[in-house]
Amino acid sequence: MPKATKAAIKAHTKYNYKSYDRLYPYVPKGYKAKIKALAAENNETLNEFITTSIRERIERLTKNPPISN
């Protein structure tokens, strides 16, 4: 796989900054490994697993469709 150029990295960073909000959740030691294992069992990345979990909880609590991606 070719290495990304500085311009490509800069463009990607700029896109992410405009398109996404960042969250920094803290979890107890060892909990991240459990979450990663569950994500892997479901063929998801850690981010996919967390965002899906949040989206599903929003749906349950508000009885409304979640914010779309």
Protein backbone atom coordinates (compact mmCIF):
# COMPACT_ATOMS: atom_id res chain seq x y z
CA MET A 1 0.00 0.00 0.00
CA PRO A 2 1.49 3.36 -0.98
CA LYS A 3 2.23 5.85 1.76
CA ALA A 4 -0.18 8.80 1.94
CA THR A 5 1.21 12.14 0.87
CA LYS A 6 1.25 15.11 3.21
CA ALA A 7 -1.39 16.76 1.03
CA ALA A 8 -3.67 13.72 1.29
CA ILE A 9 -3.27 13.60 5.06
CA LYS A 10 -4.02 17.32 5.31
CA ALA A 11 -7.13 16.97 3.12
CA HIS A 12 -8.36 13.99 5.16
CA THR A 13 -7.80 15.86 8.44
CA LYS A 14 -9.64 18.92 7.12
CA TYR A 15 -12.59 16.76 6.00
CA ASN A 16 -12.78 14.98 9.37
CA TYR A 17 -12.65 18.30 11.23
CA LYS A 18 -15.58 19.66 9.20
CA SER A 19 -17.64 16.46 9.18
CA TYR A 20 -17.30 14.91 12.63
CA ASP A 21 -17.50 15.83 16.30
CA ARG A 22 -14.93 14.21 18.57
CA LEU A 23 -15.80 12.43 21.81
CA TYR A 24 -13.31 11.26 24.38
CA PRO A 25 -15.13 8.77 26.61
CA TYR A 26 -13.28 7.37 29.60
CA VAL A 27 -13.98 3.81 30.66
CA PRO A 28 -12.65 1.75 33.59
CA LYS A 29 -9.39 -0.15 32.99
CA GLY A 30 -10.01 -3.36 31.07
CA TYR A 31 -13.38 -2.23 29.74
CA LYS A 32 -11.93 -1.11 26.39
CA ALA A 33 -10.64 -4.62 25.75
CA LYS A 34 -14.11 -6.06 26.40
CA ILE A 35 -15.70 -3.55 24.02
CA LYS A 36 -13.07 -4.25 21.34
CA ALA A 37 -13.66 -8.00 21.67
CA LEU A 38 -17.43 -7.59 21.27
CA ALA A 39 -16.88 -5.34 18.27
CA ALA A 40 -14.57 -7.89 16.67
CA GLU A 41 -17.08 -10.70 17.29
CA ASN A 42 -19.62 -8.63 15.37
CA ASN A 43 -17.19 -7.70 12.56
CA GLU A 44 -17.22 -4.04 13.55
CA THR A 45 -14.54 -1.54 14.38
CA LEU A 46 -14.45 -0.09 17.88
CA ASN A 47 -15.87 3.16 16.52
CA GLU A 48 -18.69 1.39 14.65
CA PHE A 49 -19.62 -0.58 17.76
CA ILE A 50 -19.70 2.52 19.99
CA THR A 51 -21.63 4.72 17.54
CA THR A 52 -24.15 1.96 16.83
CA SER A 53 -24.65 1.43 20.57
CA ILE A 54 -25.22 5.14 21.13
CA ARG A 55 -27.60 5.38 18.16
CA GLU A 56 -29.65 2.41 19.39
CA ARG A 57 -29.88 3.86 22.90
CA ILE A 58 -31.01 7.23 21.53
CA GLU A 59 -33.73 5.42 19.60
CA ARG A 60 -34.93 3.54 22.69
CA LEU A 61 -34.90 6.56 24.98
CA THR A 62 -36.50 9.04 22.60
CA LYS A 63 -38.70 6.69 20.56
CA ASN A 64 -37.48 8.68 17.55
CA PRO A 65 -35.20 7.83 14.67
CA PRO A 66 -31.58 8.75 15.45
CA ILE A 67 -29.60 11.42 13.72
CA SER A 68 -28.44 9.97 10.43
CA ASN A 69 -24.78 9.78 9.46
